[in-house]
PDB file of all heavy atoms in Angstrom:
ATOM      1  N   ALA A   1      12.616  17.153  -6.240  1.00  0.00           N
ATOM      2  CA  ALA A   1      13.742  17.526  -5.377  1.00  0.00           C
ATOM      3  C   ALA A   1      13.319  17.584  -3.913  1.00  0.00           C
ATOM      4  O   ALA A   1      14.039  17.100  -3.026  1.00  0.00           O
ATOM      5  CB  ALA A   1      14.315  18.871  -5.817  1.00  0.00           C
ATOM      6  N   VAL A   2      12.148  18.157  -3.646  1.00  0.00           N
ATOM      7  CA  VAL A   2      11.671  18.261  -2.265  1.00  0.00           C
ATOM      8  C   VAL A   2      11.303  16.888  -1.714  1.00  0.00           C
ATOM      9  O   VAL A   2      11.665  16.545  -0.576  1.00  0.00           O
ATOM     10  CB  VAL A   2      10.470  19.224  -2.187  1.00  0.00           C
ATOM     11  CG1 VAL A   2       9.783  19.138  -0.821  1.00  0.00           C
ATOM     12  CG2 VAL A   2      10.918  20.650  -2.456  1.00  0.00           C
ATOM     13  N   LEU A   3      10.611  16.079  -2.510  1.00  0.00           N
ATOM     14  CA  LEU A   3      10.225  14.749  -2.038  1.00  0.00           C
ATOM     15  C   LEU A   3      11.447  13.884  -1.762  1.00  0.00           C
ATOM     16  O   LEU A   3      11.480  13.120  -0.782  1.00  0.00           O
ATOM     17  CB  LEU A   3       9.317  14.075  -3.066  1.00  0.00           C
ATOM     18  CG  LEU A   3       7.921  14.702  -3.227  1.00  0.00           C
ATOM     19  CD1 LEU A   3       7.175  14.054  -4.379  1.00  0.00           C
ATOM     20  CD2 LEU A   3       7.112  14.585  -1.931  1.00  0.00           C
ATOM     21  N   GLU A   4      12.464  13.982  -2.602  1.00  0.00           N
ATOM     22  CA  GLU A   4      13.690  13.212  -2.377  1.00  0.00           C
ATOM     23  C   GLU A   4      14.434  13.697  -1.138  1.00  0.00           C
ATOM     24  O   GLU A   4      15.186  12.936  -0.521  1.00  0.00           O
ATOM     25  CB  GLU A   4      14.592  13.300  -3.604  1.00  0.00           C
ATOM     26  CG  GLU A   4      14.058  12.527  -4.808  1.00  0.00           C
ATOM     27  CD  GLU A   4      14.963  12.640  -6.028  1.00  0.00           C
ATOM     28  OE1 GLU A   4      15.799  13.569  -6.055  1.00  0.00           O
ATOM     29  OE2 GLU A   4      14.811  11.808  -6.948  1.00  0.00           O
ATOM     30  N   ALA A   5      14.232  14.965  -0.776  1.00  0.00           N
ATOM     31  CA  ALA A   5      14.917  15.521   0.399  1.00  0.00           C
ATOM     32  C   ALA A   5      14.212  15.193   1.708  1.00  0.00           C
ATOM     33  O   ALA A   5      14.812  15.290   2.779  1.00  0.00           O
ATOM     34  CB  ALA A   5      15.034  17.041   0.253  1.00  0.00           C
ATOM     35  N   MET A   6      12.955  14.782   1.633  1.00  0.00           N
ATOM     36  CA  MET A   6      12.189  14.543   2.853  1.00  0.00           C
ATOM     37  C   MET A   6      12.647  13.268   3.564  1.00  0.00           C
ATOM     38  O   MET A   6      13.045  12.294   2.930  1.00  0.00           O
ATOM     39  CB  MET A   6      10.695  14.459   2.531  1.00  0.00           C
ATOM     40  CG  MET A   6      10.109  15.794   2.080  1.00  0.00           C
ATOM     41  SD  MET A   6       8.328  15.749   1.840  1.00  0.00           S
ATOM     42  CE  MET A   6       7.755  15.515   3.526  1.00  0.00           C
ATOM     43  N   ASN A   7      12.563  13.322   4.883  1.00  0.00           N
ATOM     44  CA  ASN A   7      12.998  12.194   5.711  1.00  0.00           C
ATOM     45  C   ASN A   7      11.816  11.259   5.980  1.00  0.00           C
ATOM     46  O   ASN A   7      11.177  11.322   7.035  1.00  0.00           O
ATOM     47  CB  ASN A   7      13.582  12.698   7.033  1.00  0.00           C
ATOM     48  CG  ASN A   7      14.842  13.500   6.837  1.00  0.00           C
ATOM     49  OD1 ASN A   7      15.665  13.180   5.981  1.00  0.00           O
ATOM     50  ND2 ASN A   7      15.012  14.556   7.629  1.00  0.00           N
ATOM     51  N   PHE A   8      11.529  10.383   5.040  1.00  0.00           N
ATOM     52  CA  PHE A   8      10.461   9.420   5.266  1.00  0.00           C
ATOM     53  C   PHE A   8      10.966   8.309   6.176  1.00  0.00           C
ATOM     54  O   PHE A   8      12.018   7.721   5.924  1.00  0.00           O
ATOM     55  CB  PHE A   8       9.983   8.813   3.945  1.00  0.00           C
ATOM     56  CG  PHE A   8       9.312   9.794   3.025  1.00  0.00           C
ATOM     57  CD1 PHE A   8       9.699   9.909   1.702  1.00  0.00           C
ATOM     58  CD2 PHE A   8       8.303  10.612   3.488  1.00  0.00           C
ATOM     59  CE1 PHE A   8       9.081  10.804   0.853  1.00  0.00           C
ATOM     60  CE2 PHE A   8       7.673  11.522   2.653  1.00  0.00           C
ATOM     61  CZ  PHE A   8       8.061  11.624   1.325  1.00  0.00           C
ATOM     62  N   PRO A   9      10.251   8.008   7.243  1.00  0.00           N
ATOM     63  CA  PRO A   9      10.717   6.995   8.195  1.00  0.00           C
ATOM     64  C   PRO A   9      10.568   5.576   7.652  1.00  0.00           C
ATOM     65  O   PRO A   9       9.754   5.310   6.759  1.00  0.00           O
ATOM     66  CB  PRO A   9       9.796   7.203   9.399  1.00  0.00           C
ATOM     67  CG  PRO A   9       8.535   7.752   8.794  1.00  0.00           C
ATOM     68  CD  PRO A   9       8.976   8.614   7.644  1.00  0.00           C
ATOM     69  N   ALA A  10      11.367   4.690   8.196  1.00  0.00           N
ATOM     70  CA  ALA A  10      11.216   3.264   7.878  1.00  0.00           C
ATOM     71  C   ALA A  10      10.008   2.731   8.634  1.00  0.00           C
ATOM     72  O   ALA A  10       9.629   3.247   9.688  1.00  0.00           O
ATOM     73  CB  ALA A  10      12.475   2.515   8.287  1.00  0.00           C
ATOM     74  N   TYR A  11       9.391   1.682   8.115  1.00  0.00           N
ATOM     75  CA  TYR A  11       8.189   1.151   8.736  1.00  0.00           C
ATOM     76  C   TYR A  11       7.980  -0.292   8.307  1.00  0.00           C
ATOM     77  O   TYR A  11       8.614  -0.789   7.371  1.00  0.00           O
ATOM     78  CB  TYR A  11       6.970   1.986   8.354  1.00  0.00           C
ATOM     79  CG  TYR A  11       6.774   2.093   6.855  1.00  0.00           C
ATOM     80  CD1 TYR A  11       6.116   1.094   6.140  1.00  0.00           C
ATOM     81  CD2 TYR A  11       7.278   3.185   6.162  1.00  0.00           C
ATOM     82  CE1 TYR A  11       5.959   1.182   4.773  1.00  0.00           C
ATOM     83  CE2 TYR A  11       7.118   3.283   4.782  1.00  0.00           C
ATOM     84  CZ  TYR A  11       6.465   2.278   4.098  1.00  0.00           C
ATOM     85  OH  TYR A  11       6.317   2.361   2.744  1.00  0.00           O
ATOM     86  N   LYS A  12       7.056  -0.953   8.987  1.00  0.00           N
ATOM     87  CA  LYS A  12       6.758  -2.337   8.651  1.00  0.00           C
ATOM     88  C   LYS A  12       5.644  -2.422   7.617  1.00  0.00           C
ATOM     89  O   LYS A  12       4.933  -1.449   7.353  1.00  0.00           O
ATOM     90  CB  LYS A  12       6.358  -3.095   9.916  1.00  0.00           C
ATOM     91  CG  LYS A  12       5.129  -2.551  10.620  1.00  0.00           C
ATOM     92  CD  LYS A  12       4.886  -3.288  11.924  1.00  0.00           C
ATOM     93  CE  LYS A  12       3.679  -2.731  12.674  1.00  0.00           C
ATOM     94  NZ  LYS A  12       3.445  -3.436  13.950  1.00  0.00           N
ATOM     95  N   LYS A  13       5.496  -3.591   7.017  1.00  0.00           N
ATOM     96  CA  LYS A  13       4.494  -3.809   5.978  1.00  0.00           C
ATOM     97  C   LYS A  13       3.086  -3.499   6.506  1.00  0.00           C
ATOM     98  O   LYS A  13       2.787  -3.743   7.667  1.00  0.00           O
ATOM     99  CB  LYS A  13       4.557  -5.254   5.487  1.00  0.00           C
ATOM    100  CG  LYS A  13       3.671  -5.537   4.289  1.00  0.00           C
ATOM    101  CD  LYS A  13       3.858  -6.976   3.811  1.00  0.00           C
ATOM    102  CE  LYS A  13       2.970  -7.268   2.606  1.00  0.00           C
ATOM    103  NZ  LYS A  13       3.122  -8.673   2.130  1.00  0.00           N
ATOM    104  N   GLY A  14       2.261  -2.945   5.619  1.00  0.00           N
ATOM    105  CA  GLY A  14       0.902  -2.595   6.008  1.00  0.00           C
ATOM    106  C   GLY A  14       0.789  -1.198   6.570  1.00  0.00           C
ATOM    107  O   GLY A  14      -0.213  -0.844   7.202  1.00  0.00           O
ATOM    108  N   THR A  15       1.821  -0.367   6.326  1.00  0.00           N
ATOM    109  CA  THR A  15       1.863   1.003   6.842  1.00  0.00           C
ATOM    110  C   THR A  15       1.832   1.999   5.688  1.00  0.00           C
ATOM    111  O   THR A  15       2.421   1.766   4.639  1.00  0.00           O
ATOM    112  CB  THR A  15       3.131   1.237   7.683  1.00  0.00           C
ATOM    113  OG1 THR A  15       3.141   0.335   8.788  1.00  0.00           O
ATOM    114  CG2 THR A  15       3.204   2.667   8.201  1.00  0.00           C
ATOM    115  N   ALA A  16       1.155   3.110   5.897  1.00  0.00           N
ATOM    116  CA  ALA A  16       1.154   4.210   4.933  1.00  0.00           C
ATOM    117  C   ALA A  16       1.601   5.494   5.632  1.00  0.00           C
ATOM    118  O   ALA A  16       1.346   5.675   6.830  1.00  0.00           O
ATOM    119  CB  ALA A  16      -0.230   4.407   4.330  1.00  0.00           C
ATOM    120  N   ILE A  17       2.277   6.352   4.894  1.00  0.00           N
ATOM    121  CA  ILE A  17       2.662   7.665   5.394  1.00  0.00           C
ATOM    122  C   ILE A  17       1.674   8.683   4.835  1.00  0.00           C
ATOM    123  O   ILE A  17       1.411   8.714   3.633  1.00  0.00           O
ATOM    124  CB  ILE A  17       4.091   8.028   4.957  1.00  0.00           C
ATOM    125  CG1 ILE A  17       5.090   7.038   5.551  1.00  0.00           C
ATOM    126  CG2 ILE A  17       4.435   9.466   5.367  1.00  0.00           C
ATOM    127  CD1 ILE A  17       6.495   7.186   5.021  1.00  0.00           C
ATOM    128  N   MET A  18       1.116   9.505   5.712  1.00  0.00           N
ATOM    129  CA  MET A  18       0.209  10.559   5.282  1.00  0.00           C
ATOM    130  C   MET A  18       0.849  11.913   5.555  1.00  0.00           C
ATOM    131  O   MET A  18       1.195  12.226   6.700  1.00  0.00           O
ATOM    132  CB  MET A  18      -1.143  10.444   5.992  1.00  0.00           C
ATOM    133  CG  MET A  18      -1.924   9.203   5.588  1.00  0.00           C
ATOM    134  SD  MET A  18      -3.569   9.109   6.370  1.00  0.00           S
ATOM    135  CE  MET A  18      -4.391  10.529   5.620  1.00  0.00           C
ATOM    136  N   LEU A  19       1.038  12.697   4.495  1.00  0.00           N
ATOM    137  CA  LEU A  19       1.649  14.020   4.587  1.00  0.00           C
ATOM    138  C   LEU A  19       0.553  15.068   4.697  1.00  0.00           C
ATOM    139  O   LEU A  19      -0.275  15.203   3.791  1.00  0.00           O
ATOM    140  CB  LEU A  19       2.510  14.302   3.366  1.00  0.00           C
ATOM    141  CG  LEU A  19       3.662  13.340   3.083  1.00  0.00           C
ATOM    142  CD1 LEU A  19       4.351  13.722   1.777  1.00  0.00           C
ATOM    143  CD2 LEU A  19       4.660  13.342   4.239  1.00  0.00           C
ATOM    144  N   MET A  20       0.553  15.803   5.781  1.00  0.00           N
ATOM    145  CA  MET A  20      -0.443  16.849   5.972  1.00  0.00           C
ATOM    146  C   MET A  20       0.064  18.159   5.380  1.00  0.00           C
ATOM    147  O   MET A  20       1.021  18.754   5.872  1.00  0.00           O
ATOM    148  CB  MET A  20      -0.749  17.049   7.459  1.00  0.00           C
ATOM    149  CG  MET A  20      -1.787  18.140   7.710  1.00  0.00           C
ATOM    150  SD  MET A  20      -1.939  18.597   9.463  1.00  0.00           S
ATOM    151  CE  MET A  20      -0.340  19.357   9.762  1.00  0.00           C
ATOM    152  N   ALA A  21      -0.580  18.612   4.299  1.00  0.00           N
ATOM    153  CA  ALA A  21      -0.297  19.916   3.716  1.00  0.00           C
ATOM    154  C   ALA A  21      -1.363  20.906   4.160  1.00  0.00           C
ATOM    155  O   ALA A  21      -2.380  20.518   4.757  1.00  0.00           O
ATOM    156  CB  ALA A  21      -0.263  19.811   2.195  1.00  0.00           C
ATOM    157  N   HIS A  22      -1.146  22.173   3.888  1.00  0.00           N
ATOM    158  CA  HIS A  22      -2.095  23.178   4.363  1.00  0.00           C
ATOM    159  C   HIS A  22      -3.373  23.187   3.546  1.00  0.00           C
ATOM    160  O   HIS A  22      -4.474  23.131   4.085  1.00  0.00           O
ATOM    161  CB  HIS A  22      -1.458  24.571   4.341  1.00  0.00           C
ATOM    162  CG  HIS A  22      -2.265  25.590   5.090  1.00  0.00           C
ATOM    163  ND1 HIS A  22      -3.381  26.212   4.557  1.00  0.00           N
ATOM    164  CD2 HIS A  22      -2.129  26.076   6.348  1.00  0.00           C
ATOM    165  CE1 HIS A  22      -3.889  27.033   5.446  1.00  0.00           C
ATOM    166  NE2 HIS A  22      -3.158  26.979   6.547  1.00  0.00           N
ATOM    167  N   GLY A  23      -3.244  23.244   2.224  1.00  0.00           N
ATOM    168  CA  GLY A  23      -4.425  23.385   1.379  1.00  0.00           C
ATOM    169  C   GLY A  23      -4.807  24.840   1.216  1.00  0.00           C
ATOM    170  O   GLY A  23      -4.468  25.692   2.045  1.00  0.00           O
ATOM    171  N   THR A  24      -5.495  25.141   0.129  1.00  0.00           N
ATOM    172  CA  THR A  24      -5.857  26.529  -0.160  1.00  0.00           C
ATOM    173  C   THR A  24      -7.061  26.564  -1.087  1.00  0.00           C
ATOM    174  O   THR A  24      -7.235  25.666  -1.919  1.00  0.00           O
ATOM    175  CB  THR A  24      -4.671  27.263  -0.826  1.00  0.00           C
ATOM    176  OG1 THR A  24      -5.082  28.579  -1.226  1.00  0.00           O
ATOM    177  CG2 THR A  24      -4.176  26.514  -2.064  1.00  0.00           C
ATOM    178  N   PRO A  25      -7.915  27.586  -0.978  1.00  0.00           N
ATOM    179  CA  PRO A  25      -9.012  27.739  -1.935  1.00  0.00           C
ATOM    180  C   PRO A  25      -8.519  28.229  -3.297  1.00  0.00           C
ATOM    181  O   PRO A  25      -9.272  28.230  -4.264  1.00  0.00           O
ATOM    182  CB  PRO A  25      -9.925  28.784  -1.267  1.00  0.00           C
ATOM    183  CG  PRO A  25      -9.008  29.571  -0.382  1.00  0.00           C
ATOM    184  CD  PRO A  25      -7.990  28.582   0.112  1.00  0.00           C
ATOM    185  N   ASP A  26      -7.262  28.621  -3.359  1.00  0.00           N
ATOM    186  CA  ASP A  26      -6.663  29.095  -4.608  1.00  0.00           C
ATOM    187  C   ASP A  26      -6.475  27.925  -5.576  1.00  0.00           C
ATOM    188  O   ASP A  26      -6.279  26.779  -5.143  1.00  0.00           O
ATOM    189  CB  ASP A  26      -5.304  29.726  -4.283  1.00  0.00           C
ATOM    190  CG  ASP A  26      -4.669  30.403  -5.474  1.00  0.00           C
ATOM    191  OD1 ASP A  26      -5.064  31.538  -5.776  1.00  0.00           O
ATOM    192  OD2 ASP A  26      -3.794  29.789  -6.108  1.00  0.00           O
ATOM    193  N   PRO A  27      -6.530  28.175  -6.899  1.00  0.00           N
ATOM    194  CA  PRO A  27      -6.303  27.091  -7.862  1.00  0.00           C
ATOM    195  C   PRO A  27      -4.960  26.380  -7.699  1.00  0.00           C
ATOM    196  O   PRO A  27      -4.795  25.249  -8.161  1.00  0.00           O
ATOM    197  CB  PRO A  27      -6.375  27.808  -9.222  1.00  0.00           C
ATOM    198  CG  PRO A  27      -7.279  28.973  -8.977  1.00  0.00           C
ATOM    199  CD  PRO A  27      -6.967  29.420  -7.577  1.00  0.00           C
ATOM    200  N   SER A  28      -4.011  27.012  -7.011  1.00  0.00           N
ATOM    201  CA  SER A  28      -2.719  26.369  -6.780  1.00  0.00           C
ATOM    202  C   SER A  28      -2.845  25.128  -5.915  1.00  0.00           C
ATOM    203  O   SER A  28      -1.876  24.371  -5.774  1.00  0.00           O
ATOM    204  CB  SER A  28      -1.742  27.355  -6.125  1.00  0.00           C
ATOM    205  OG  SER A  28      -2.250  27.792  -4.871  1.00  0.00           O
ATOM    206  N   ASN A  29      -4.020  24.884  -5.344  1.00  0.00           N
ATOM    207  CA  ASN A  29      -4.247  23.635  -4.611  1.00  0.00           C
ATOM    208  C   ASN A  29      -3.954  22.423  -5.502  1.00  0.00           C
ATOM    209  O   ASN A  29      -3.649  21.335  -5.015  1.00  0.00           O
ATOM    210  CB  ASN A  29      -5.697  23.575  -4.122  1.00  0.00           C
ATOM    211  CG  ASN A  29      -5.937  22.477  -3.104  1.00  0.00           C
ATOM    212  OD1 ASN A  29      -5.734  22.671  -1.911  1.00  0.00           O
ATOM    213  ND2 ASN A  29      -6.357  21.313  -3.568  1.00  0.00           N
ATOM    214  N   ALA A  30      -4.016  22.610  -6.829  1.00  0.00           N
ATOM    215  CA  ALA A  30      -3.724  21.530  -7.777  1.00  0.00           C
ATOM    216  C   ALA A  30      -2.288  21.027  -7.647  1.00  0.00           C
ATOM    217  O   ALA A  30      -1.981  19.913  -8.108  1.00  0.00           O
ATOM    218  CB  ALA A  30      -3.981  22.002  -9.209  1.00  0.00           C
ATOM    219  N   TYR A  31      -1.398  21.800  -7.027  1.00  0.00           N
ATOM    220  CA  TYR A  31      -0.028  21.327  -6.812  1.00  0.00           C
ATOM    221  C   TYR A  31      -0.014  20.022  -6.025  1.00  0.00           C
ATOM    222  O   TYR A  31       0.877  19.194  -6.206  1.00  0.00           O
ATOM    223  CB  TYR A  31       0.801  22.384  -6.065  1.00  0.00           C
ATOM    224  CG  TYR A  31       1.610  23.271  -6.974  1.00  0.00           C
ATOM    225  CD1 TYR A  31       1.024  24.345  -7.628  1.00  0.00           C
ATOM    226  CD2 TYR A  31       2.965  23.032  -7.196  1.00  0.00           C
ATOM    227  CE1 TYR A  31       1.767  25.171  -8.458  1.00  0.00           C
ATOM    228  CE2 TYR A  31       3.717  23.846  -8.027  1.00  0.00           C
ATOM    229  CZ  TYR A  31       3.106  24.909  -8.655  1.00  0.00           C
ATOM    230  OH  TYR A  31       3.838  25.717  -9.495  1.00  0.00           O
ATOM    231  N   TYR A  32      -1.000  19.828  -5.150  1.00  0.00           N
ATOM    232  CA  TYR A  32      -1.012  18.613  -4.346  1.00  0.00           C
ATOM    233  C   TYR A  32      -1.269  17.379  -5.204  1.00  0.00           C
ATOM    234  O   TYR A  32      -0.754  16.297  -4.913  1.00  0.00           O
ATOM    235  CB  TYR A  32      -2.031  18.736  -3.213  1.00  0.00           C
ATOM    236  CG  TYR A  32      -1.753  19.913  -2.307  1.00  0.00           C
ATOM    237  CD1 TYR A  32      -2.717  20.900  -2.087  1.00  0.00           C
ATOM    238  CD2 TYR A  32      -0.509  20.064  -1.704  1.00  0.00           C
ATOM    239  CE1 TYR A  32      -2.450  21.990  -1.274  1.00  0.00           C
ATOM    240  CE2 TYR A  32      -0.236  21.151  -0.890  1.00  0.00           C
ATOM    241  CZ  TYR A  32      -1.208  22.115  -0.677  1.00  0.00           C
ATOM    242  OH  TYR A  32      -0.931  23.198   0.118  1.00  0.00           O
ATOM    243  N   SER A  33      -2.036  17.543  -6.258  1.00  0.00           N
ATOM    244  CA  SER A  33      -2.223  16.438  -7.199  1.00  0.00           C
ATOM    245  C   SER A  33      -0.924  16.144  -7.934  1.00  0.00           C
ATOM    246  O   SER A  33      -0.596  14.976  -8.198  1.00  0.00           O
ATOM    247  CB  SER A  33      -3.337  16.777  -8.203  1.00  0.00           C
ATOM    248  OG  SER A  33      -4.588  16.840  -7.563  1.00  0.00           O
ATOM    249  N   VAL A  34      -0.190  17.197  -8.274  1.00  0.00           N
ATOM    250  CA  VAL A  34       1.114  17.014  -8.929  1.00  0.00           C
ATOM    251  C   VAL A  34       2.070  16.279  -7.992  1.00  0.00           C
ATOM    252  O   VAL A  34       2.788  15.364  -8.403  1.00  0.00           O
ATOM    253  CB  VAL A  34       1.716  18.365  -9.354  1.00  0.00           C
ATOM    254  CG1 VAL A  34       3.109  18.178  -9.941  1.00  0.00           C
ATOM    255  CG2 VAL A  34       0.808  19.068 -10.360  1.00  0.00           C
ATOM    256  N   ILE A  35       2.062  16.665  -6.726  1.00  0.00           N
ATOM    257  CA  ILE A  35       2.932  16.013  -5.745  1.00  0.00           C
ATOM    258  C   ILE A  35       2.589  14.535  -5.625  1.00  0.00           C
ATOM    259  O   ILE A  35       3.477  13.671  -5.602  1.00  0.00           O
ATOM    260  CB  ILE A  35       2.811  16.712  -4.370  1.00  0.00           C
ATOM    261  CG1 ILE A  35       3.383  18.133  -4.451  1.00  0.00           C
ATOM    262  CG2 ILE A  35       3.543  15.916  -3.295  1.00  0.00           C
ATOM    263  CD1 ILE A  35       3.067  18.988  -3.237  1.00  0.00           C
ATOM    264  N   GLN A  36       1.280  14.232  -5.556  1.00  0.00           N
ATOM    265  CA  GLN A  36       0.870  12.826  -5.452  1.00  0.00           C
ATOM    266  C   GLN A  36       1.284  12.038  -6.691  1.00  0.00           C
ATOM    267  O   GLN A  36       1.722  10.886  -6.599  1.00  0.00           O
ATOM    268  CB  GLN A  36      -0.641  12.730  -5.256  1.00  0.00           C
ATOM    269  CG  GLN A  36      -1.130  11.346  -4.868  1.00  0.00           C
ATOM    270  CD  GLN A  36      -0.627  10.922  -3.494  1.00  0.00           C
ATOM    271  OE1 GLN A  36      -0.943  11.534  -2.491  1.00  0.00           O
ATOM    272  NE2 GLN A  36       0.179   9.862  -3.447  1.00  0.00           N
ATOM    273  N   ASN A  37       1.162  12.660  -7.854  1.00  0.00           N
ATOM    274  CA  ASN A  37       1.569  11.985  -9.090  1.00  0.00           C
ATOM    275  C   ASN A  37       3.073  11.727  -9.114  1.00  0.00           C
ATOM    276  O   ASN A  37       3.533  10.662  -9.554  1.00  0.00           O
ATOM    277  CB  ASN A  37       1.156  12.813 -10.297  1.00  0.00           C
ATOM    278  CG  ASN A  37       1.408  12.085 -11.606  1.00  0.00           C
ATOM    279  OD1 ASN A  37       0.827  11.041 -11.868  1.00  0.00           O
ATOM    280  ND2 ASN A  37       2.294  12.616 -12.440  1.00  0.00           N
TER     281      ASN A  37
END
């Protein structure tokens, strides 16, 4: 739901979007792997 709500910009071929998250030493950091999946 959150990823579908995000405003990803249009771009030309050969471009990648990098999302900067905060990160945490807590085990919940694994959420970022879920997001990538």
